[in-house]
Amino acid sequence: MWETVELREIRVFLALAEELHFRRTADRLGLTQSRVSQSLRSLEHKLGLELVHRTSRRVTLSPAGERFREEISGAYGELVAALRQTHEVGLAVAGELRLGAHNAAAVGARLLGVIDAFEAANERCAVQVVELSFGDRFHSLRRGEIDLMLTRLPVDEPDLVVGPLVDREPRVLAVAHRHPLASRAAVSIEDIAGYDVGWPDALIPTIGDAFIPGETPRGRPIRRLRLGIGDIGELIVTVARGKIVHPTVSSFASHYGHPNVRYVPITDMPAAETVLVWRRRNLAPAMREFIRIARESLPRMSANGPGG
C-alpha cells in the first residue's frame, strides 16, 4: 500500500518528528490534533511500520521512524521545491518569499535593507519572515517550508549553500541578576568555566561547540548541562532562576529581556557570524533575485564557493 502514501501525510509526519508533540504539530500545520493522529495512522498503515511511540506523557520516534525521517526529509524538500518552481514557471517574480530565522532579533538592519531593496525592485513579491522553532536544524528549509534560512556559522551541510555574511555580533553572557558575575563590567571564558552552562538539546553540535566550547583556552572544562530545554522562553527562565549561565549574542539580549536577567559582555570569545543559507537545487525566480540583491549588498562568503 506504500504507493498510496500522500504528500500531506509525509508533511504531517515530518512536522511531528520535529515537534514531538501532537498539539504543537497541529497548531503549526493549522490542523486539529485528531487530523494529525489520523494522518499518522494512515501513513503507518500504508508503510506497515510503527513510526511513532506515543504515551499520555511523551512522543518519540521509533527506530523505523528515525530511519524514515532521515531517508525522506531531503527528498520531500526537493519535491516540494520542484512543485513550487513548476507552478511559478513563466511567471514574473511574484508571490511570497519565506525567510526563516530562529528569532526575529537576528533579522537586523543590514538584512532588513536587503528585504526593502528586494521588495522595492519586485513590487509583486513580498518577503515573509518565519520564526522557526528552537529545535529546527534546517528541517523547514529541507522540507521546502521556507526558501532561505538565517543561521549561525559554522555550517557544513553538503546539500546547502552558505551565502553572504549578514552580521557579526559581540558575545554576551546571560546571568541571573543576583549571580556573582552579574555586577561585572565584563567576563572572560575562564570566568564562565566556574559555573553550569545551559546546553539546549536542539543546538546543532557544530554551532553549539562554537557558542559554548567544551573547555577554555587554558584547558579548564566548561560544565555544559543538557537540561532538556525545549524553547527559548524556558531557557531564559532557567537563567533567571540562577540555575545556569548562557553565552549568547547581543541581539538575543535586546530581544529576550527579562527583569531578573543581566547580559554581561564576554571579552575573549570571537564575534558570532550569521549567514544566509539555502538549498543547493531548485531555485525559483524570486530566490535567485533575492540572492543576487543580497550578494550585492552584503559581504560574500567564500567557504562554499559561489554555490546555487
Protein backbone atom coordinates (compact mmCIF):
# COMPACT_ATOMS: atom_id res chain seq x y z
CA MET A 1 0.00 0.00 0.00
CA TRP A 2 3.03 2.28 0.07
CA GLU A 3 2.12 3.54 -3.42
CA THR A 4 -0.89 5.35 -1.95
CA VAL A 5 1.12 7.47 0.53
CA GLU A 6 0.09 11.13 0.18
CA LEU A 7 2.29 14.22 0.32
CA ARG A 8 0.26 15.68 3.20
CA GLU A 9 0.83 12.53 5.29
CA ILE A 10 4.60 12.89 4.92
CA ARG A 11 4.33 16.59 5.78
CA VAL A 12 2.43 15.78 8.99
CA PHE A 13 4.94 13.08 9.96
CA LEU A 14 7.98 15.32 9.41
CA ALA A 15 6.44 18.14 11.45
CA LEU A 16 5.55 15.71 14.25
CA ALA A 17 9.06 14.24 14.14
CA GLU A 18 10.41 17.72 14.83
CA GLU A 19 7.88 18.88 17.42
CA LEU A 20 7.34 15.50 19.18
CA HIS A 21 4.04 16.92 20.39
CA PHE A 22 0.64 16.45 18.75
CA ARG A 23 -0.86 19.80 19.80
CA ARG A 24 2.15 21.82 18.67
CA THR A 25 2.20 19.91 15.38
CA ALA A 26 -1.50 20.63 14.86
CA ASP A 27 -1.02 24.35 15.64
CA ARG A 28 1.96 24.58 13.30
CA LEU A 29 0.12 22.96 10.38
CA GLY A 30 -3.26 24.58 11.03
CA LEU A 31 -4.92 21.20 11.68
CA THR A 32 -6.78 19.56 14.53
CA GLN A 33 -4.98 17.08 16.76
CA SER A 34 -7.33 14.35 15.58
CA ARG A 35 -6.42 15.10 11.96
CA VAL A 36 -2.72 14.83 12.83
CA SER A 37 -3.33 11.47 14.53
CA GLN A 38 -5.45 10.27 11.60
CA SER A 39 -2.76 11.21 9.05
CA LEU A 40 -0.07 9.48 11.10
CA ARG A 41 -2.12 6.29 11.48
CA SER A 42 -2.83 6.27 7.75
CA LEU A 43 0.87 6.65 6.91
CA GLU A 44 1.87 3.90 9.36
CA HIS A 45 -0.79 1.60 7.91
CA LYS A 46 0.35 2.19 4.34
CA LEU A 47 4.02 1.62 5.22
CA GLY A 48 3.33 -1.28 7.56
CA LEU A 49 5.50 0.29 10.25
CA GLU A 50 5.08 1.96 13.61
CA LEU A 51 6.80 5.32 13.14
CA VAL A 52 5.96 6.97 16.46
CA HIS A 53 5.77 5.73 20.05
CA ARG A 54 3.16 7.74 21.95
CA THR A 55 2.06 7.66 25.57
CA SER A 56 -0.02 10.07 27.63
CA ARG A 57 3.17 11.90 28.59
CA ARG A 58 5.64 11.55 25.75
CA VAL A 59 6.01 11.24 21.98
CA THR A 60 9.16 9.67 20.49
CA LEU A 61 10.16 8.30 17.13
CA SER A 62 10.55 4.56 16.78
CA PRO A 63 13.79 3.27 15.20
CA ALA A 64 11.82 2.84 11.97
CA GLY A 65 10.54 6.40 12.31
CA GLU A 66 14.07 7.74 12.75
CA ARG A 67 15.24 5.92 9.63
CA PHE A 68 12.22 7.08 7.62
CA ARG A 69 12.77 10.72 8.63
CA GLU A 70 16.44 10.56 7.60
CA GLU A 71 15.59 8.98 4.27
CA ILE A 72 12.58 11.12 3.32
CA SER A 73 13.32 14.60 4.68
CA GLY A 74 15.66 15.80 1.93
CA ALA A 75 13.66 14.15 -0.85
CA TYR A 76 10.44 15.71 0.43
CA GLY A 77 12.00 19.18 0.45
CA GLU A 78 13.25 18.77 -3.11
CA LEU A 79 9.85 17.54 -4.29
CA VAL A 80 8.01 20.46 -2.66
CA ALA A 81 10.50 22.94 -4.12
CA ALA A 82 10.19 21.36 -7.58
CA LEU A 83 6.40 21.53 -7.44
CA ARG A 84 6.52 25.18 -6.38
CA GLN A 85 9.07 26.04 -9.05
CA THR A 86 6.96 24.34 -11.73
CA HIS A 87 3.98 26.35 -10.54
CA GLU A 88 5.98 29.55 -10.94
CA VAL A 89 7.34 28.79 -14.43
CA GLY A 90 6.51 31.58 -16.82
CA LEU A 91 5.56 33.98 -14.03
CA ALA A 92 7.41 37.14 -13.10
CA VAL A 93 8.97 37.41 -9.64
CA ALA A 94 5.76 37.41 -7.65
CA GLY A 95 4.13 35.88 -4.62
CA GLU A 96 5.91 35.32 -1.33
CA LEU A 97 9.49 34.56 -0.35
CA ARG A 98 9.82 32.93 3.05
CA LEU A 99 12.88 33.68 5.17
CA GLY A 100 13.30 31.56 8.29
CA ALA A 101 15.00 32.74 11.49
CA HIS A 102 15.17 31.30 14.98
CA ASN A 103 14.34 34.69 16.46
CA ALA A 104 13.19 37.96 14.96
CA ALA A 105 16.05 39.89 16.59
CA ALA A 106 18.52 38.20 14.24
CA VAL A 107 16.89 40.00 11.31
CA GLY A 108 18.88 43.20 11.85
CA ALA A 109 19.27 46.44 9.94
CA ARG A 110 21.54 45.01 7.23
CA LEU A 111 19.17 42.21 6.28
CA LEU A 112 16.15 44.50 6.57
CA GLY A 113 17.87 46.70 4.00
CA VAL A 114 18.16 43.73 1.63
CA ILE A 115 14.48 42.90 2.13
CA ASP A 116 13.48 46.53 1.44
CA ALA A 117 15.62 46.64 -1.72
CA PHE A 118 14.18 43.35 -2.96
CA GLU A 119 10.57 44.39 -2.41
CA ALA A 120 11.18 47.81 -3.98
CA ALA A 121 12.54 46.14 -7.12
CA ASN A 122 9.87 43.43 -7.16
CA GLU A 123 6.58 45.00 -6.16
CA ARG A 124 4.60 41.80 -6.73
CA CYS A 125 6.69 39.76 -4.29
CA ALA A 126 6.78 40.12 -0.52
CA VAL A 127 9.24 38.65 1.98
CA GLN A 128 7.70 36.88 4.95
CA VAL A 129 9.93 36.30 7.97
CA VAL A 130 9.05 32.96 9.58
CA GLU A 131 10.12 32.40 13.18
CA LEU A 132 11.41 28.85 13.45
CA SER A 133 11.10 26.51 16.39
CA PHE A 134 14.05 26.29 18.74
CA GLY A 135 14.95 22.81 17.51
CA ASP A 136 14.74 23.40 13.77
CA ARG A 137 18.04 22.01 12.43
CA PHE A 138 17.43 23.05 8.81
CA HIS A 139 14.33 20.81 8.75
CA SER A 140 11.96 23.52 7.48
CA LEU A 141 14.47 24.52 4.81
CA ARG A 142 14.94 20.97 3.56
CA ARG A 143 11.20 20.36 3.51
CA GLY A 144 10.63 23.44 1.37
CA GLU A 145 8.54 25.21 4.03
CA ILE A 146 10.92 28.18 3.83
CA ASP A 147 13.10 29.39 0.96
CA LEU A 148 16.10 30.76 2.85
CA MET A 149 17.31 30.50 6.41
CA LEU A 150 19.29 32.78 8.67
CA THR A 151 21.71 30.80 10.83
CA ARG A 152 24.98 30.96 12.71
CA LEU A 153 28.31 29.67 11.46
CA PRO A 154 29.79 27.14 11.18
CA VAL A 155 27.59 25.33 8.65
CA ASP A 156 28.82 22.18 6.90
CA GLU A 157 25.84 20.67 5.09
CA PRO A 158 26.55 19.33 1.57
CA ASP A 159 23.03 19.99 0.30
CA LEU A 160 23.01 23.62 1.47
CA VAL A 161 24.75 26.72 0.12
CA VAL A 162 26.36 29.13 2.58
CA GLY A 163 25.59 32.60 1.26
CA PRO A 164 26.56 36.13 2.21
CA LEU A 165 27.65 37.11 5.69
CA VAL A 166 24.76 39.04 7.23
CA ASP A 167 26.13 40.14 10.59
CA ARG A 168 28.84 39.81 13.22
CA GLU A 169 27.68 40.16 16.81
CA PRO A 170 29.60 40.54 20.06
CA ARG A 171 29.21 37.80 22.64
CA VAL A 172 27.46 38.30 25.97
CA LEU A 173 26.72 36.09 28.97
CA ALA A 174 23.16 35.82 30.30
CA VAL A 175 23.14 35.50 34.10
CA ALA A 176 20.59 35.92 36.87
CA HIS A 177 20.53 39.43 38.34
CA ARG A 178 21.85 38.10 41.69
CA HIS A 179 24.53 35.91 40.12
CA PRO A 180 28.15 36.58 41.20
CA LEU A 181 29.01 37.68 37.62
CA ALA A 182 26.02 40.00 37.21
CA SER A 183 27.82 43.04 38.65
CA ARG A 184 30.92 42.63 36.47
CA ALA A 185 31.58 45.07 33.64
CA ALA A 186 32.79 42.14 31.52
CA VAL A 187 33.74 38.49 31.87
CA SER A 188 36.11 36.06 30.18
CA ILE A 189 35.55 32.48 29.11
CA GLU A 190 37.75 31.46 32.04
CA ASP A 191 35.17 33.04 34.38
CA ILE A 192 32.38 31.05 32.72
CA ALA A 193 34.15 27.75 33.48
CA GLY A 194 33.28 28.15 37.14
CA TYR A 195 29.53 27.76 36.55
CA ASP A 196 26.99 25.43 34.97
CA VAL A 197 26.27 26.39 31.37
CA GLY A 198 22.94 25.50 29.78
CA TRP A 199 23.20 23.43 26.59
CA PRO A 200 19.90 23.39 24.68
CA ASP A 201 19.44 19.90 23.26
CA ALA A 202 18.25 21.30 19.94
CA LEU A 203 21.53 23.04 19.09
CA ILE A 204 23.33 21.72 16.02
CA PRO A 205 26.54 20.24 17.51
CA THR A 206 28.99 22.28 15.42
CA ILE A 207 27.16 25.54 16.12
CA GLY A 208 26.78 24.57 19.78
CA ASP A 209 30.52 24.00 20.14
CA ALA A 210 31.21 27.42 18.64
CA PHE A 211 28.75 29.04 21.03
CA ILE A 212 29.61 27.02 24.12
CA PRO A 213 33.06 25.34 23.82
CA GLY A 214 33.82 22.29 25.90
CA GLU A 215 36.87 23.87 27.53
CA THR A 216 38.61 27.21 27.98
CA PRO A 217 41.88 28.22 26.25
CA ARG A 218 43.67 27.24 29.48
CA GLY A 219 42.14 23.77 29.34
CA ARG A 220 39.55 24.19 32.08
CA PRO A 221 36.42 22.12 31.33
CA ILE A 222 33.16 24.01 30.89
CA ARG A 223 30.24 22.27 32.57
CA ARG A 224 27.72 22.06 29.73
CA LEU A 225 24.45 20.72 31.09
CA ARG A 226 21.81 19.14 28.85
CA LEU A 227 18.62 20.20 30.59
CA GLY A 228 16.04 19.11 28.02
CA ILE A 229 15.26 22.76 27.28
CA GLY A 230 12.61 22.93 24.60
CA ASP A 231 12.33 26.61 23.76
CA ILE A 232 13.96 29.99 24.31
CA GLY A 233 11.43 31.10 26.93
CA GLU A 234 12.25 28.08 29.06
CA LEU A 235 15.96 28.81 28.67
CA ILE A 236 15.55 32.41 29.87
CA VAL A 237 13.54 31.34 32.93
CA THR A 238 16.23 28.78 33.82
CA VAL A 239 18.86 31.54 33.62
CA ALA A 240 16.68 33.91 35.69
CA ARG A 241 16.40 31.28 38.42
CA GLY A 242 20.19 31.16 38.67
CA LYS A 243 20.46 27.51 37.65
CA ILE A 244 22.66 28.16 34.61
CA VAL A 245 24.55 30.87 32.74
CA HIS A 246 24.20 31.11 28.97
CA PRO A 247 26.69 32.53 26.45
CA THR A 248 24.78 34.24 23.63
CA VAL A 249 24.85 37.33 21.39
CA SER A 250 23.86 40.97 21.68
CA SER A 251 20.68 40.69 19.56
CA PHE A 252 19.42 37.92 21.82
CA ALA A 253 19.89 40.25 24.77
CA SER A 254 17.87 43.04 23.15
CA HIS A 255 15.04 40.70 22.09
CA TYR A 256 14.75 38.49 25.16
CA GLY A 257 14.89 40.94 28.03
CA HIS A 258 13.89 39.73 31.49
CA PRO A 259 13.83 41.74 34.72
CA ASN A 260 15.87 39.07 36.51
CA VAL A 261 18.47 38.51 33.78
CA ARG A 262 21.60 40.56 33.11
CA TYR A 263 23.75 40.38 29.96
CA VAL A 264 27.48 40.84 30.58
CA PRO A 265 29.96 41.28 27.68
CA ILE A 266 32.37 38.38 27.08
CA THR A 267 35.76 39.84 26.18
CA ASP A 268 37.64 36.86 24.77
CA MET A 269 35.16 34.99 22.56
CA PRO A 270 35.04 35.75 18.82
CA ALA A 271 32.05 37.53 17.38
CA ALA A 272 29.24 35.25 16.22
CA GLU A 273 28.72 35.29 12.45
CA THR A 274 25.30 34.97 10.84
CA VAL A 275 24.77 33.93 7.22
CA LEU A 276 22.01 33.14 4.76
CA VAL A 277 21.73 29.53 3.62
CA TRP A 278 19.52 27.85 1.02
CA ARG A 279 19.06 24.53 -0.75
CA ARG A 280 21.58 23.89 -3.49
CA ARG A 281 18.94 22.98 -6.08
CA ASN A 282 15.55 24.18 -7.30
CA LEU A 283 15.99 27.94 -7.06
CA ALA A 284 12.80 29.74 -8.04
CA PRO A 285 12.98 33.16 -9.79
CA ALA A 286 12.25 35.07 -6.58
CA MET A 287 15.01 33.20 -4.79
CA ARG A 288 17.57 33.98 -7.47
CA GLU A 289 16.64 37.66 -7.40
CA PHE A 290 16.81 37.90 -3.61
CA ILE A 291 20.20 36.16 -3.53
CA ARG A 292 21.52 38.48 -6.23
CA ILE A 293 20.50 41.57 -4.24
CA ALA A 294 21.86 40.09 -1.01
CA ARG A 295 25.24 39.33 -2.59
CA GLU A 296 25.48 42.86 -3.94
CA SER A 297 24.58 44.40 -0.59
CA LEU A 298 26.38 42.11 1.86
CA PRO A 299 29.94 40.74 2.09
CA ARG A 300 30.46 37.49 0.23
CA MET A 301 31.07 34.20 1.97
CA SER A 302 33.71 32.16 0.20
CA ALA A 303 33.66 28.99 2.30
CA ASN A 304 31.31 27.13 -0.04
CA GLY A 305 32.17 28.99 -3.25
CA PRO A 306 29.51 30.73 -5.30
CA GLY A 307 27.01 27.91 -4.81
CA GLY A 308 23.49 27.83 -6.11
